[in-house]
């Protein structure tokens, strides 16, 4: 059985964590692009009454 070095585990764990963060960032960026495209094409479904209620009751941040 081969011995596992702690330093190697730390480096491998850091690389795996970085890869996961980069993948998440890429996914988030893709979602932002899709939303921006929908807004530009006026393809966003909006429930106007709900938006007015949020404004009226102060649930939205200024």
PDB file of N, CA and C in Angstrom:
ATOM      1  N   UNK A   1       0.841  -1.174   0.000  1.00  0.00           N
ATOM      2  CA  UNK A   1       0.000   0.000   0.000  1.00  0.00           C
ATOM      3  C   UNK A   1       0.888   1.240   0.000  1.00  0.00           C
ATOM      4  N   UNK A   2       0.569   2.192  -0.844  1.00  0.00           N
ATOM      5  CA  UNK A   2       1.364   3.411  -0.970  1.00  0.00           C
ATOM      6  C   UNK A   2       0.937   4.428   0.093  1.00  0.00           C
ATOM      7  N   UNK A   3       1.905   5.133   0.628  1.00  0.00           N
ATOM      8  CA  UNK A   3       1.645   6.141   1.658  1.00  0.00           C
ATOM      9  C   UNK A   3       1.169   7.446   1.002  1.00  0.00           C
ATOM     10  N   UNK A   4       0.158   8.078   1.590  1.00  0.00           N
ATOM     11  CA  UNK A   4      -0.392   9.329   1.060  1.00  0.00           C
ATOM     12  C   UNK A   4       0.182  10.488   1.868  1.00  0.00           C
ATOM     13  N   UNK A   5       0.724  11.466   1.164  1.00  0.00           N
ATOM     14  CA  UNK A   5       1.313  12.625   1.819  1.00  0.00           C
ATOM     15  C   UNK A   5       0.243  13.703   2.035  1.00  0.00           C
ATOM     16  N   UNK A   6       0.263  14.332   3.189  1.00  0.00           N
ATOM     17  CA  UNK A   6      -0.702  15.372   3.512  1.00  0.00           C
ATOM     18  C   UNK A   6      -0.605  16.543   2.538  1.00  0.00           C
ATOM     19  N   UNK A   7       0.594  16.955   2.194  1.00  0.00           N
ATOM     20  CA  UNK A   7       0.780  18.064   1.252  1.00  0.00           C
ATOM     21  C   UNK A   7       0.129  17.788  -0.095  1.00  0.00           C
ATOM     22  N   UNK A   8       0.252  16.542  -0.536  1.00  0.00           N
ATOM     23  CA  UNK A   8      -0.357  16.163  -1.812  1.00  0.00           C
ATOM     24  C   UNK A   8      -1.880  16.242  -1.715  1.00  0.00           C
ATOM     25  N   UNK A   9      -2.435  15.807  -0.618  1.00  0.00           N
ATOM     26  CA  UNK A   9      -3.887  15.896  -0.417  1.00  0.00           C
ATOM     27  C   UNK A   9      -4.359  17.338  -0.410  1.00  0.00           C
ATOM     28  N   UNK A  10      -3.578  18.210   0.211  1.00  0.00           N
ATOM     29  CA  UNK A  10      -3.943  19.624   0.267  1.00  0.00           C
ATOM     30  C   UNK A  10      -3.939  20.223  -1.135  1.00  0.00           C
ATOM     31  N   UNK A  11      -2.908  19.941  -1.903  1.00  0.00           N
ATOM     32  CA  UNK A  11      -2.806  20.472  -3.266  1.00  0.00           C
ATOM     33  C   UNK A  11      -3.931  19.933  -4.137  1.00  0.00           C
ATOM     34  N   UNK A  12      -4.179  18.626  -4.060  1.00  0.00           N
ATOM     35  CA  UNK A  12      -5.249  18.031  -4.863  1.00  0.00           C
ATOM     36  C   UNK A  12      -6.613  18.580  -4.449  1.00  0.00           C
ATOM     37  N   UNK A  13      -6.823  18.758  -3.161  1.00  0.00           N
ATOM     38  CA  UNK A  13      -8.086  19.318  -2.674  1.00  0.00           C
ATOM     39  C   UNK A  13      -8.276  20.760  -3.129  1.00  0.00           C
ATOM     40  N   UNK A  14      -7.206  21.535  -3.094  1.00  0.00           N
ATOM     41  CA  UNK A  14      -7.277  22.929  -3.543  1.00  0.00           C
ATOM     42  C   UNK A  14      -7.578  23.001  -5.033  1.00  0.00           C
ATOM     43  N   UNK A  15      -6.982  22.121  -5.804  1.00  0.00           N
ATOM     44  CA  UNK A  15      -7.254  22.105  -7.254  1.00  0.00           C
ATOM     45  C   UNK A  15      -8.709  21.724  -7.524  1.00  0.00           C
ATOM     46  N   UNK A  16      -9.204  20.737  -6.793  1.00  0.00           N
ATOM     47  CA  UNK A  16     -10.593  20.311  -6.981  1.00  0.00           C
ATOM     48  C   UNK A  16     -11.556  21.438  -6.597  1.00  0.00           C
ATOM     49  N   UNK A  17     -11.266  22.119  -5.503  1.00  0.00           N
ATOM     50  CA  UNK A  17     -12.118  23.224  -5.057  1.00  0.00           C
ATOM     51  C   UNK A  17     -12.102  24.349  -6.078  1.00  0.00           C
ATOM     52  N   UNK A  18     -10.949  24.706  -6.589  1.00  0.00           N
ATOM     53  CA  UNK A  18     -10.826  25.754  -7.597  1.00  0.00           C
ATOM     54  C   UNK A  18     -11.603  25.389  -8.864  1.00  0.00           C
ATOM     55  N   UNK A  19     -11.488  24.129  -9.281  1.00  0.00           N
ATOM     56  CA  UNK A  19     -12.226  23.679 -10.474  1.00  0.00           C
ATOM     57  C   UNK A  19     -13.732  23.790 -10.242  1.00  0.00           C
ATOM     58  N   UNK A  20     -14.192  23.432  -9.054  1.00  0.00           N
ATOM     59  CA  UNK A  20     -15.620  23.519  -8.743  1.00  0.00           C
ATOM     60  C   UNK A  20     -16.087  24.970  -8.742  1.00  0.00           C
ATOM     61  N   UNK A  21     -15.284  25.865  -8.172  1.00  0.00           N
ATOM     62  CA  UNK A  21     -15.645  27.292  -8.145  1.00  0.00           C
ATOM     63  C   UNK A  21     -15.689  27.879  -9.552  1.00  0.00           C
ATOM     64  N   UNK A  22     -14.730  27.507 -10.376  1.00  0.00           N
ATOM     65  CA  UNK A  22     -14.713  27.998 -11.760  1.00  0.00           C
ATOM     66  C   UNK A  22     -15.922  27.492 -12.534  1.00  0.00           C
ATOM     67  N   UNK A  23     -16.294  26.239 -12.320  1.00  0.00           N
ATOM     68  CA  UNK A  23     -17.466  25.678 -13.003  1.00  0.00           C
ATOM     69  C   UNK A  23     -18.731  26.405 -12.557  1.00  0.00           C
ATOM     70  N   UNK A  24     -18.824  26.706 -11.272  1.00  0.00           N
ATOM     71  CA  UNK A  24     -19.984  27.436 -10.758  1.00  0.00           C
ATOM     72  C   UNK A  24     -20.026  28.839 -11.341  1.00  0.00           C
ATOM     73  N   UNK A  25     -18.880  29.520 -11.395  1.00  0.00           N
ATOM     74  CA  UNK A  25     -18.816  30.860 -11.970  1.00  0.00           C
ATOM     75  C   UNK A  25     -19.249  30.851 -13.431  1.00  0.00           C
ATOM     76  N   UNK A  26     -18.814  29.831 -14.173  1.00  0.00           N
ATOM     77  CA  UNK A  26     -19.179  29.727 -15.585  1.00  0.00           C
ATOM     78  C   UNK A  26     -20.677  29.511 -15.731  1.00  0.00           C
ATOM     79  N   UNK A  27     -21.245  28.693 -14.854  1.00  0.00           N
ATOM     80  CA  UNK A  27     -22.689  28.459 -14.887  1.00  0.00           C
ATOM     81  C   UNK A  27     -23.469  29.719 -14.553  1.00  0.00           C
ATOM     82  N   UNK A  28     -22.998  30.460 -13.547  1.00  0.00           N
ATOM     83  CA  UNK A  28     -23.651  31.708 -13.173  1.00  0.00           C
ATOM     84  C   UNK A  28     -23.575  32.725 -14.309  1.00  0.00           C
ATOM     85  N   UNK A  29     -22.428  32.799 -14.959  1.00  0.00           N
ATOM     86  CA  UNK A  29     -22.264  33.739 -16.076  1.00  0.00           C
ATOM     87  C   UNK A  29     -23.204  33.372 -17.221  1.00  0.00           C
ATOM     88  N   UNK A  30     -23.363  32.080 -17.475  1.00  0.00           N
ATOM     89  CA  UNK A  30     -24.276  31.647 -18.542  1.00  0.00           C
ATOM     90  C   UNK A  30     -25.707  32.032 -18.217  1.00  0.00           C
ATOM     91  N   UNK A  31     -26.098  31.891 -16.957  1.00  0.00           N
ATOM     92  CA  UNK A  31     -27.452  32.285 -16.552  1.00  0.00           C
ATOM     93  C   UNK A  31     -27.656  33.789 -16.699  1.00  0.00           C
ATOM     94  N   UNK A  32     -26.633  34.572 -16.327  1.00  0.00           N
ATOM     95  CA  UNK A  32     -26.751  36.029 -16.479  1.00  0.00           C
ATOM     96  C   UNK A  32     -26.884  36.414 -17.944  1.00  0.00           C
ATOM     97  N   UNK A  33     -26.117  35.754 -18.814  1.00  0.00           N
ATOM     98  CA  UNK A  33     -26.223  36.034 -20.259  1.00  0.00           C
ATOM     99  C   UNK A  33     -27.605  35.683 -20.789  1.00  0.00           C
ATOM    100  N   UNK A  34     -28.148  34.543 -20.355  1.00  0.00           N
ATOM    101  CA  UNK A  34     -29.497  34.154 -20.802  1.00  0.00           C
ATOM    102  C   UNK A  34     -30.530  35.168 -20.355  1.00  0.00           C
ATOM    103  N   UNK A  35     -30.433  35.615 -19.114  1.00  0.00           N
ATOM    104  CA  UNK A  35     -31.379  36.613 -18.618  1.00  0.00           C
ATOM    105  C   UNK A  35     -31.242  37.914 -19.390  1.00  0.00           C
ATOM    106  N   UNK A  36     -30.017  38.352 -19.623  1.00  0.00           N
ATOM    107  CA  UNK A  36     -29.800  39.589 -20.376  1.00  0.00           C
ATOM    108  C   UNK A  36     -30.370  39.472 -21.787  1.00  0.00           C
ATOM    109  N   UNK A  37     -30.200  38.318 -22.419  1.00  0.00           N
ATOM    110  CA  UNK A  37     -30.760  38.112 -23.758  1.00  0.00           C
ATOM    111  C   UNK A  37     -32.279  38.165 -23.733  1.00  0.00           C
ATOM    112  N   UNK A  38     -32.875  37.575 -22.700  1.00  0.00           N
ATOM    113  CA  UNK A  38     -34.337  37.604 -22.594  1.00  0.00           C
ATOM    114  C   UNK A  38     -34.847  39.017 -22.352  1.00  0.00           C
ATOM    115  N   UNK A  39     -34.139  39.782 -21.540  1.00  0.00           N
ATOM    116  CA  UNK A  39     -34.548  41.165 -21.282  1.00  0.00           C
ATOM    117  C   UNK A  39     -34.442  41.979 -22.566  1.00  0.00           C
ATOM    118  N   UNK A  40     -33.338  41.815 -23.293  1.00  0.00           N
ATOM    119  CA  UNK A  40     -33.158  42.559 -24.550  1.00  0.00           C
ATOM    120  C   UNK A  40     -34.240  42.220 -25.575  1.00  0.00           C
ATOM    121  N   UNK A  41     -34.664  40.951 -25.608  1.00  0.00           N
ATOM    122  CA  UNK A  41     -35.671  40.541 -26.590  1.00  0.00           C
ATOM    123  C   UNK A  41     -37.093  40.705 -26.053  1.00  0.00           C
ATOM    124  N   UNK A  42     -37.191  41.297 -24.864  1.00  0.00           N
ATOM    125  CA  UNK A  42     -38.471  41.501 -24.189  1.00  0.00           C
ATOM    126  C   UNK A  42     -39.203  40.182 -23.957  1.00  0.00           C
ATOM    127  N   UNK A  43     -38.425  39.144 -23.699  1.00  0.00           N
ATOM    128  CA  UNK A  43     -38.989  37.822 -23.462  1.00  0.00           C
ATOM    129  C   UNK A  43     -39.140  37.472 -22.000  1.00  0.00           C
ATOM    130  N   UNK A  44     -39.080  38.458 -21.126  1.00  0.00           N
ATOM    131  CA  UNK A  44     -39.195  38.213 -19.697  1.00  0.00           C
ATOM    132  C   UNK A  44     -40.661  38.318 -19.309  1.00  0.00           C
ATOM    133  N   UNK A  45     -41.161  37.264 -18.673  1.00  0.00           N
ATOM    134  CA  UNK A  45     -42.537  37.298 -18.192  1.00  0.00           C
ATOM    135  C   UNK A  45     -42.573  38.072 -16.886  1.00  0.00           C
ATOM    136  N   UNK A  46     -43.435  39.067 -16.808  1.00  0.00           N
ATOM    137  CA  UNK A  46     -43.510  39.918 -15.630  1.00  0.00           C
ATOM    138  C   UNK A  46     -44.931  39.907 -15.103  1.00  0.00           C
ATOM    139  N   UNK A  47     -45.062  39.727 -13.812  1.00  0.00           N
ATOM    140  CA  UNK A  47     -46.349  39.788 -13.147  1.00  0.00           C
ATOM    141  C   UNK A  47     -46.451  41.180 -12.539  1.00  0.00           C
ATOM    142  N   UNK A  48     -47.029  42.089 -13.274  1.00  0.00           N
ATOM    143  CA  UNK A  48     -47.046  43.504 -12.906  1.00  0.00           C
ATOM    144  C   UNK A  48     -47.748  43.760 -11.574  1.00  0.00           C
ATOM    145  N   UNK A  49     -48.848  43.054 -11.312  1.00  0.00           N
ATOM    146  CA  UNK A  49     -49.562  43.262 -10.051  1.00  0.00           C
ATOM    147  C   UNK A  49     -48.684  42.902  -8.859  1.00  0.00           C
ATOM    148  N   UNK A  50     -47.920  41.841  -8.977  1.00  0.00           N
ATOM    149  CA  UNK A  50     -47.025  41.445  -7.888  1.00  0.00           C
ATOM    150  C   UNK A  50     -45.926  42.481  -7.703  1.00  0.00           C
ATOM    151  N   UNK A  51     -45.390  42.998  -8.791  1.00  0.00           N
ATOM    152  CA  UNK A  51     -44.350  44.025  -8.693  1.00  0.00           C
ATOM    153  C   UNK A  51     -44.896  45.285  -8.030  1.00  0.00           C
ATOM    154  N   UNK A  52     -46.118  45.676  -8.384  1.00  0.00           N
ATOM    155  CA  UNK A  52     -46.737  46.846  -7.759  1.00  0.00           C
ATOM    156  C   UNK A  52     -46.954  46.621  -6.268  1.00  0.00           C
ATOM    157  N   UNK A  53     -47.358  45.405  -5.892  1.00  0.00           N
ATOM    158  CA  UNK A  53     -47.575  45.097  -4.474  1.00  0.00           C
ATOM    159  C   UNK A  53     -46.262  45.171  -3.698  1.00  0.00           C
ATOM    160  N   UNK A  54     -45.196  44.681  -4.288  1.00  0.00           N
ATOM    161  CA  UNK A  54     -43.883  44.744  -3.637  1.00  0.00           C
ATOM    162  C   UNK A  54     -43.499  46.194  -3.389  1.00  0.00           C
ATOM    163  N   UNK A  55     -43.695  47.041  -4.401  1.00  0.00           N
ATOM    164  CA  UNK A  55     -43.385  48.466  -4.235  1.00  0.00           C
ATOM    165  C   UNK A  55     -44.279  49.105  -3.182  1.00  0.00           C
ATOM    166  N   UNK A  56     -45.558  48.788  -3.196  1.00  0.00           N
ATOM    167  CA  UNK A  56     -46.521  49.421  -2.282  1.00  0.00           C
ATOM    168  C   UNK A  56     -46.242  49.066  -0.824  1.00  0.00           C
ATOM    169  N   UNK A  57     -45.838  47.829  -0.566  1.00  0.00           N
ATOM    170  CA  UNK A  57     -45.618  47.398   0.814  1.00  0.00           C
ATOM    171  C   UNK A  57     -44.163  47.517   1.255  1.00  0.00           C
ATOM    172  N   UNK A  58     -43.318  48.027   0.390  1.00  0.00           N
ATOM    173  CA  UNK A  58     -41.927  48.279   0.780  1.00  0.00           C
ATOM    174  C   UNK A  58     -41.066  47.048   0.886  1.00  0.00           C
ATOM    175  N   UNK A  59     -41.402  45.996   0.161  1.00  0.00           N
ATOM    176  CA  UNK A  59     -40.598  44.772   0.229  1.00  0.00           C
ATOM    177  C   UNK A  59     -39.351  44.879  -0.627  1.00  0.00           C
ATOM    178  N   UNK A  60     -39.323  45.815  -1.532  1.00  0.00           N
ATOM    179  CA  UNK A  60     -38.161  45.973  -2.428  1.00  0.00           C
ATOM    180  C   UNK A  60     -37.139  46.876  -1.764  1.00  0.00           C
ATOM    181  N   UNK A  61     -35.865  46.602  -2.038  1.00  0.00           N
ATOM    182  CA  UNK A  61     -34.801  47.478  -1.529  1.00  0.00           C
ATOM    183  C   UNK A  61     -34.657  48.662  -2.457  1.00  0.00           C
ATOM    184  N   UNK A  62     -34.330  49.785  -1.893  1.00  0.00           N
ATOM    185  CA  UNK A  62     -34.147  51.017  -2.672  1.00  0.00           C
ATOM    186  C   UNK A  62     -32.767  51.051  -3.248  1.00  0.00           C
TER     187      UNK A  62
END
